[in-house]
N, C-alpha and C. Protein backbone atom coordinates (compact mmCIF):
# COMPACT_ATOMS: atom_id res chain seq x y z
N MET A 1 0.85 -1.12 0.09
CA MET A 1 -0.07 0.05 0.02
C MET A 1 0.99 1.22 0.02
N ARG A 2 0.49 2.12 -0.88
CA ARG A 2 1.27 3.41 -0.90
C ARG A 2 0.74 4.36 0.07
N ALA A 3 1.60 5.43 0.40
CA ALA A 3 1.19 6.38 1.31
C ALA A 3 0.12 7.25 0.63
N PRO A 4 -0.81 7.80 1.49
CA PRO A 4 -1.93 8.64 0.91
C PRO A 4 -1.46 9.92 0.40
N ARG A 5 -2.17 10.43 -0.56
CA ARG A 5 -1.86 11.72 -1.22
C ARG A 5 -3.03 12.65 -0.47
N PHE A 6 -2.56 13.69 0.03
CA PHE A 6 -3.53 14.57 0.88
C PHE A 6 -4.10 15.63 -0.04
N PRO A 7 -5.35 16.09 0.33
CA PRO A 7 -5.98 15.79 1.46
C PRO A 7 -6.53 14.38 1.64
N LEU A 8 -6.64 13.87 2.84
CA LEU A 8 -7.26 12.59 3.17
C LEU A 8 -8.73 12.76 3.71
N THR A 9 -9.72 12.29 3.21
CA THR A 9 -11.18 12.38 3.66
C THR A 9 -11.28 11.19 4.55
N VAL A 10 -11.67 11.60 5.91
CA VAL A 10 -11.94 10.54 6.88
C VAL A 10 -13.35 10.39 7.16
N PHE A 11 -13.99 9.24 7.05
CA PHE A 11 -15.39 9.01 7.21
C PHE A 11 -15.55 8.43 8.50
N TYR A 12 -16.12 9.11 9.50
CA TYR A 12 -16.41 8.59 10.80
C TYR A 12 -17.77 8.74 11.35
N ASP A 13 -18.16 7.89 12.33
CA ASP A 13 -19.46 7.95 12.90
C ASP A 13 -19.52 8.90 13.95
N GLY A 14 -20.02 10.04 13.65
CA GLY A 14 -20.21 11.21 14.77
C GLY A 14 -21.08 10.84 15.84
N ALA A 15 -21.91 9.88 15.71
CA ALA A 15 -22.83 9.50 16.96
C ALA A 15 -21.98 8.61 17.86
N CYS A 16 -20.88 8.05 17.52
CA CYS A 16 -20.13 7.15 18.30
C CYS A 16 -19.16 8.04 19.07
N ILE A 17 -19.29 8.10 20.42
CA ILE A 17 -18.53 9.15 21.29
C ILE A 17 -17.01 8.76 21.18
N VAL A 18 -16.67 7.56 21.09
CA VAL A 18 -15.17 7.28 20.87
C VAL A 18 -14.71 7.65 19.57
N CYS A 19 -15.41 7.22 18.50
CA CYS A 19 -14.95 7.63 17.19
C CYS A 19 -14.87 9.13 16.91
N ALA A 20 -15.85 9.91 17.37
CA ALA A 20 -15.89 11.27 17.11
C ALA A 20 -14.79 12.03 18.03
N THR A 21 -14.57 11.55 19.22
CA THR A 21 -13.48 11.97 20.02
C THR A 21 -12.22 11.89 19.43
N GLU A 22 -11.98 10.68 18.94
CA GLU A 22 -10.61 10.35 18.18
C GLU A 22 -10.46 11.10 16.98
N ILE A 23 -11.38 11.36 16.04
CA ILE A 23 -11.22 12.15 14.89
C ILE A 23 -11.09 13.62 15.24
N GLU A 24 -11.81 14.07 16.18
CA GLU A 24 -11.66 15.41 16.54
C GLU A 24 -10.26 15.77 17.17
N HIS A 25 -9.69 14.77 17.76
CA HIS A 25 -8.42 14.96 18.28
C HIS A 25 -7.38 15.08 17.11
N TYR A 26 -7.40 14.25 16.09
CA TYR A 26 -6.61 14.36 14.94
C TYR A 26 -6.74 15.70 14.30
N LEU A 27 -8.01 16.13 14.17
CA LEU A 27 -8.28 17.35 13.52
C LEU A 27 -7.57 18.47 14.17
N LYS A 28 -7.62 18.64 15.49
CA LYS A 28 -7.05 19.64 16.22
C LYS A 28 -5.41 19.61 16.11
N LYS A 29 -4.90 18.38 15.90
CA LYS A 29 -3.45 18.28 15.62
C LYS A 29 -3.04 18.57 14.34
N ASP A 30 -4.00 18.54 13.35
CA ASP A 30 -3.71 18.70 11.78
C ASP A 30 -3.54 20.06 11.51
N HIS A 31 -2.23 20.69 11.68
CA HIS A 31 -2.01 22.08 11.29
C HIS A 31 -1.86 22.33 9.88
N GLY A 32 -1.62 21.29 9.03
CA GLY A 32 -1.42 21.36 7.67
C GLY A 32 -2.64 21.22 6.90
N GLU A 33 -3.73 21.02 7.54
CA GLU A 33 -5.07 20.77 6.94
C GLU A 33 -5.06 19.70 5.97
N LYS A 34 -4.46 18.58 6.30
CA LYS A 34 -4.33 17.50 5.44
C LYS A 34 -5.49 16.46 5.59
N LEU A 35 -6.25 16.76 6.63
CA LEU A 35 -7.37 15.77 6.98
C LEU A 35 -8.70 16.56 6.84
N VAL A 36 -9.64 15.82 6.22
CA VAL A 36 -11.02 16.39 6.07
C VAL A 36 -11.83 15.23 6.62
N ALA A 37 -12.78 15.64 7.61
CA ALA A 37 -13.64 14.65 8.32
C ALA A 37 -15.12 14.81 7.79
N ILE A 38 -15.78 13.63 7.52
CA ILE A 38 -17.12 13.53 7.09
C ILE A 38 -17.87 12.66 8.11
N ASP A 39 -18.97 13.20 8.70
CA ASP A 39 -19.71 12.43 9.62
C ASP A 39 -20.76 11.66 8.88
N ILE A 40 -20.56 10.23 8.87
CA ILE A 40 -21.49 9.49 8.10
C ILE A 40 -22.84 9.21 8.80
N SER A 41 -22.81 9.71 10.09
CA SER A 41 -24.20 9.53 10.81
C SER A 41 -25.08 10.75 10.62
N SER A 42 -24.50 11.78 9.88
CA SER A 42 -25.35 12.94 9.62
C SER A 42 -26.36 12.59 8.68
N HIS A 43 -27.68 13.20 8.99
CA HIS A 43 -28.84 12.92 8.12
C HIS A 43 -28.57 13.34 6.58
N ASP A 44 -27.68 14.10 6.29
CA ASP A 44 -27.43 14.53 4.86
C ASP A 44 -26.18 13.82 4.20
N PHE A 45 -25.67 12.82 4.99
CA PHE A 45 -24.62 12.12 4.28
C PHE A 45 -25.19 11.23 3.25
N ASP A 46 -24.41 11.31 2.07
CA ASP A 46 -24.89 10.45 0.88
C ASP A 46 -23.67 9.61 0.51
N PRO A 47 -23.76 8.27 0.75
CA PRO A 47 -22.59 7.47 0.39
C PRO A 47 -22.45 7.09 -1.08
N VAL A 48 -23.50 7.34 -1.78
CA VAL A 48 -23.53 7.06 -3.33
C VAL A 48 -22.31 7.54 -4.14
N PRO A 49 -21.87 8.75 -3.91
CA PRO A 49 -20.76 9.25 -4.76
C PRO A 49 -19.43 8.59 -4.45
N TYR A 50 -19.36 7.82 -3.32
CA TYR A 50 -18.10 7.13 -2.92
C TYR A 50 -18.21 5.64 -3.34
N GLN A 51 -19.34 5.22 -3.87
CA GLN A 51 -19.46 3.76 -4.32
C GLN A 51 -19.21 2.84 -3.21
N ILE A 52 -19.51 3.22 -1.86
CA ILE A 52 -19.35 2.39 -0.73
C ILE A 52 -20.80 2.45 0.02
N SER A 53 -21.32 1.31 0.37
CA SER A 53 -22.55 1.35 1.08
C SER A 53 -22.54 2.02 2.42
N LEU A 54 -23.57 2.58 2.92
CA LEU A 54 -23.55 3.08 4.39
C LEU A 54 -23.26 2.07 5.30
N ALA A 55 -23.67 0.81 5.08
CA ALA A 55 -23.44 -0.30 5.96
C ALA A 55 -21.86 -0.59 5.99
N ASP A 56 -21.27 -0.47 4.91
CA ASP A 56 -19.78 -0.66 4.92
C ASP A 56 -19.14 0.46 5.58
N PHE A 57 -19.58 1.66 5.42
CA PHE A 57 -18.93 2.78 6.12
C PHE A 57 -19.12 2.63 7.60
N MET A 58 -20.31 2.19 7.97
CA MET A 58 -20.56 2.04 9.43
C MET A 58 -19.78 0.82 10.08
N GLN A 59 -19.45 -0.10 9.24
CA GLN A 59 -18.75 -1.26 9.70
C GLN A 59 -17.39 -0.92 10.29
N GLN A 60 -16.68 -0.09 9.53
CA GLN A 60 -15.30 0.23 9.97
C GLN A 60 -14.91 1.56 9.44
N LEU A 61 -13.90 2.31 10.00
CA LEU A 61 -13.51 3.48 9.66
C LEU A 61 -12.95 3.42 8.15
N HIS A 62 -13.24 4.45 7.36
CA HIS A 62 -12.71 4.55 5.98
C HIS A 62 -12.11 5.97 5.82
N ALA A 63 -11.19 5.87 4.88
CA ALA A 63 -10.45 7.25 4.49
C ALA A 63 -10.25 6.98 3.06
N ILE A 64 -10.30 8.17 2.32
CA ILE A 64 -10.04 8.19 0.89
C ILE A 64 -9.16 9.33 0.57
N ASP A 65 -8.09 9.02 -0.23
CA ASP A 65 -7.19 10.19 -0.48
C ASP A 65 -7.54 10.80 -1.71
N GLN A 66 -6.64 11.83 -2.04
CA GLN A 66 -6.90 12.69 -3.16
C GLN A 66 -6.94 11.94 -4.40
N ASP A 67 -6.25 10.76 -4.52
CA ASP A 67 -6.22 9.91 -5.77
C ASP A 67 -7.42 8.97 -5.86
N GLY A 68 -8.26 8.91 -4.79
CA GLY A 68 -9.30 7.85 -4.67
C GLY A 68 -8.91 6.55 -4.06
N GLN A 69 -7.61 6.39 -3.49
CA GLN A 69 -7.26 5.28 -2.75
C GLN A 69 -8.06 5.10 -1.48
N VAL A 70 -8.67 3.94 -1.27
CA VAL A 70 -9.52 3.76 -0.11
C VAL A 70 -8.71 2.92 0.91
N PHE A 71 -8.77 3.46 2.15
CA PHE A 71 -8.18 2.88 3.25
C PHE A 71 -9.26 2.33 4.26
N LYS A 72 -9.16 1.24 4.81
CA LYS A 72 -10.27 0.73 5.72
C LYS A 72 -9.64 0.28 6.91
N GLY A 73 -10.46 0.36 8.11
CA GLY A 73 -10.09 -0.09 9.37
C GLY A 73 -8.70 0.45 9.86
N ILE A 74 -7.84 -0.46 10.24
CA ILE A 74 -6.50 -0.08 10.89
C ILE A 74 -5.63 0.60 9.80
N ASP A 75 -5.84 0.31 8.44
CA ASP A 75 -5.21 1.02 7.33
C ASP A 75 -5.56 2.43 7.33
N SER A 76 -6.86 2.79 7.74
CA SER A 76 -7.28 4.08 7.80
C SER A 76 -6.50 5.04 8.89
N PHE A 77 -6.27 4.33 10.03
CA PHE A 77 -5.40 5.00 10.99
C PHE A 77 -4.09 5.13 10.57
N TRP A 78 -3.49 4.22 9.90
CA TRP A 78 -2.10 4.30 9.22
C TRP A 78 -2.13 5.55 8.27
N ALA A 79 -3.22 5.64 7.44
CA ALA A 79 -3.20 6.76 6.39
C ALA A 79 -3.30 8.02 7.23
N ILE A 80 -4.08 8.09 8.22
CA ILE A 80 -4.32 9.40 9.08
C ILE A 80 -3.03 9.74 9.68
N TRP A 81 -2.28 8.74 10.30
CA TRP A 81 -0.96 9.06 10.97
C TRP A 81 0.03 9.65 9.94
N GLN A 82 -0.02 9.29 8.60
CA GLN A 82 0.76 9.86 7.58
C GLN A 82 0.76 11.50 7.40
N ALA A 83 -0.27 11.88 7.99
CA ALA A 83 -0.44 13.42 7.85
C ALA A 83 0.42 14.10 8.98
N PHE A 84 0.98 13.40 9.75
CA PHE A 84 1.86 14.02 10.80
C PHE A 84 3.39 13.79 10.66
N PRO A 85 4.17 14.70 11.06
CA PRO A 85 5.62 14.41 10.89
C PRO A 85 6.15 13.19 11.54
N PRO A 86 7.08 12.49 10.84
CA PRO A 86 7.65 11.30 11.33
C PRO A 86 8.23 11.30 12.78
N SER A 87 8.57 12.45 13.34
CA SER A 87 9.21 12.66 14.59
C SER A 87 8.14 12.58 15.77
N THR A 88 6.79 12.72 15.34
CA THR A 88 5.70 12.83 16.34
C THR A 88 5.32 11.46 16.72
N ILE A 89 4.51 11.36 17.82
CA ILE A 89 3.98 10.03 18.26
C ILE A 89 3.24 9.45 17.07
N TYR A 90 2.48 10.21 16.22
CA TYR A 90 1.74 9.48 15.14
C TYR A 90 2.55 8.99 14.11
N GLY A 91 3.69 9.77 13.79
CA GLY A 91 4.59 9.22 12.91
C GLY A 91 5.32 8.00 13.28
N ILE A 92 5.64 7.92 14.56
CA ILE A 92 6.17 6.68 15.12
C ILE A 92 5.23 5.62 15.14
N MET A 93 3.86 5.89 15.44
CA MET A 93 2.84 4.84 15.38
C MET A 93 2.61 4.48 14.02
N GLY A 94 2.78 5.23 13.03
CA GLY A 94 2.55 4.96 11.67
C GLY A 94 3.67 3.92 11.14
N ARG A 95 4.86 4.12 11.57
CA ARG A 95 5.86 3.17 11.30
C ARG A 95 5.72 1.83 11.98
N ALA A 96 5.43 2.01 13.36
CA ALA A 96 5.30 0.81 14.23
C ALA A 96 4.19 -0.30 13.84
N ILE A 97 3.02 0.39 13.34
CA ILE A 97 1.86 -0.38 12.91
C ILE A 97 2.27 -1.24 11.62
N GLN A 98 3.30 -0.86 10.94
CA GLN A 98 3.72 -1.69 9.85
C GLN A 98 4.50 -3.06 10.34
N LEU A 99 4.90 -3.05 11.34
CA LEU A 99 5.64 -4.19 11.90
C LEU A 99 4.61 -5.42 12.05
N SER A 100 5.06 -6.52 11.56
CA SER A 100 4.04 -7.79 11.28
C SER A 100 3.32 -8.09 12.53
N LEU A 101 3.98 -8.33 13.82
CA LEU A 101 3.22 -8.73 15.03
C LEU A 101 2.42 -7.55 15.43
N LEU A 102 2.75 -6.41 15.45
CA LEU A 102 2.03 -5.26 16.03
C LEU A 102 0.72 -5.10 15.00
N ASN A 103 1.08 -5.24 13.80
CA ASN A 103 -0.10 -5.06 12.79
C ASN A 103 -1.21 -6.09 12.99
N ARG A 104 -0.79 -7.38 13.12
CA ARG A 104 -1.71 -8.35 13.39
C ARG A 104 -2.54 -8.10 14.79
N PHE A 105 -1.91 -7.79 15.81
CA PHE A 105 -2.55 -7.40 17.02
C PHE A 105 -3.43 -6.19 16.91
N ALA A 106 -3.00 -5.12 16.12
CA ALA A 106 -3.98 -3.97 15.91
C ALA A 106 -5.14 -4.35 15.06
N ARG A 107 -4.97 -5.22 14.17
CA ARG A 107 -6.11 -5.56 13.34
C ARG A 107 -7.14 -6.41 14.10
N ILE A 108 -6.62 -7.26 14.98
CA ILE A 108 -7.64 -8.06 15.88
C ILE A 108 -8.28 -7.03 16.81
N ALA A 109 -7.50 -6.13 17.43
CA ALA A 109 -8.06 -5.23 18.41
C ALA A 109 -9.10 -4.33 17.72
N TYR A 110 -8.88 -3.85 16.43
CA TYR A 110 -9.77 -2.98 15.83
C TYR A 110 -11.00 -3.72 15.48
N TRP A 111 -10.82 -5.01 15.05
CA TRP A 111 -11.98 -5.80 14.72
C TRP A 111 -12.89 -5.94 15.81
N LEU A 112 -12.27 -6.20 16.97
CA LEU A 112 -13.13 -6.35 18.16
C LEU A 112 -13.83 -5.11 18.61
N PHE A 113 -12.94 -3.90 18.52
CA PHE A 113 -13.71 -2.63 18.71
C PHE A 113 -14.80 -2.35 17.79
N ALA A 114 -14.67 -2.60 16.54
CA ALA A 114 -15.64 -2.30 15.54
C ALA A 114 -16.97 -3.23 15.85
N ARG A 115 -16.85 -4.42 16.46
CA ARG A 115 -17.96 -5.19 16.76
C ARG A 115 -18.79 -4.63 18.05
N ILE A 116 -18.11 -4.04 18.86
CA ILE A 116 -18.58 -3.54 20.16
C ILE A 116 -19.13 -2.07 20.07
N ARG A 117 -18.51 -1.42 19.10
CA ARG A 117 -18.76 0.06 19.00
C ARG A 117 -20.27 0.49 19.03
N THR A 118 -21.07 -0.41 18.32
CA THR A 118 -22.48 0.13 18.37
C THR A 118 -23.20 -0.05 19.90
N TYR A 119 -22.46 -0.65 20.75
CA TYR A 119 -23.02 -0.70 22.17
C TYR A 119 -22.46 0.32 23.04
N LEU A 120 -21.48 1.13 22.57
CA LEU A 120 -20.89 2.25 23.33
C LEU A 120 -21.87 3.29 23.42
N PRO A 121 -21.66 4.23 24.44
CA PRO A 121 -22.74 5.42 24.57
C PRO A 121 -22.52 6.29 23.34
N LYS A 122 -23.64 6.80 22.99
CA LYS A 122 -23.75 7.76 21.92
C LYS A 122 -23.63 9.12 22.28
N ARG A 123 -23.14 9.99 21.27
CA ARG A 123 -23.09 11.44 21.73
C ARG A 123 -24.46 11.89 21.91
N ASN A 124 -24.53 13.00 22.70
CA ASN A 124 -25.87 13.60 23.02
C ASN A 124 -26.25 14.40 21.75
N GLN A 125 -27.57 14.56 21.56
CA GLN A 125 -28.07 15.35 20.38
C GLN A 125 -27.56 16.83 20.70
N CYS A 126 -27.11 17.49 19.71
CA CYS A 126 -26.68 18.91 19.85
C CYS A 126 -27.82 19.80 19.46
N ASP A 127 -27.76 20.94 19.75
CA ASP A 127 -28.84 21.96 19.45
C ASP A 127 -29.25 21.89 17.86
N SER A 128 -28.24 21.67 17.06
CA SER A 128 -28.52 21.67 15.55
C SER A 128 -29.13 20.24 15.12
N GLY A 129 -29.15 19.28 16.01
CA GLY A 129 -29.69 17.98 15.71
C GLY A 129 -28.58 17.01 15.36
N THR A 130 -27.45 17.43 15.16
CA THR A 130 -26.40 16.55 14.88
C THR A 130 -25.05 16.95 15.62
N CYS A 131 -24.18 16.14 16.03
CA CYS A 131 -23.08 16.48 16.78
C CYS A 131 -21.76 16.40 15.85
N SER A 132 -21.83 16.94 14.70
CA SER A 132 -20.70 16.94 13.78
C SER A 132 -19.56 17.68 14.32
N ILE A 133 -18.42 17.21 13.94
CA ILE A 133 -17.21 18.01 14.31
C ILE A 133 -17.04 19.19 13.38
N HIS A 134 -16.83 20.34 14.09
CA HIS A 134 -16.75 21.57 13.20
C HIS A 134 -15.20 22.01 13.41
N HIS A 135 -14.72 22.16 12.16
CA HIS A 135 -13.35 22.58 12.13
C HIS A 135 -13.17 23.50 10.86
N LYS A 136 -11.92 24.07 10.84
CA LYS A 136 -11.68 25.18 9.80
C LYS A 136 -11.55 24.21 8.33
N ARG A 137 -11.90 24.94 7.33
CA ARG A 137 -11.63 24.36 6.01
C ARG A 137 -10.92 25.12 5.12
């Protein structure tokens, strides 16, 4: 898999408190504006242009780079971490996740998380009716 070409569009479940918190954290750290986040739980999200079903989007984290390369699950995290300098914790995690044993462990851990995610607490409804992450564009 080749490194993503930025900007990288990250498709996250804004209703999932863990998912939204994680993506919000990355967006706050992204000073190069390499990451764009789209809340797939938003009532106006349309998966059709991406040729990925909403069920597939909801099953695991997806990211799509400027060239249309699709990253799923743990590979999405790897792609996100490429947005940060190699000397940062995310740059280090991006290299570490490529190690065979750690990669297998991360894939199993993410698979387990993805299966229990729907049982985690949901974000409270916001005044606007959705709790999308708002950030500069």
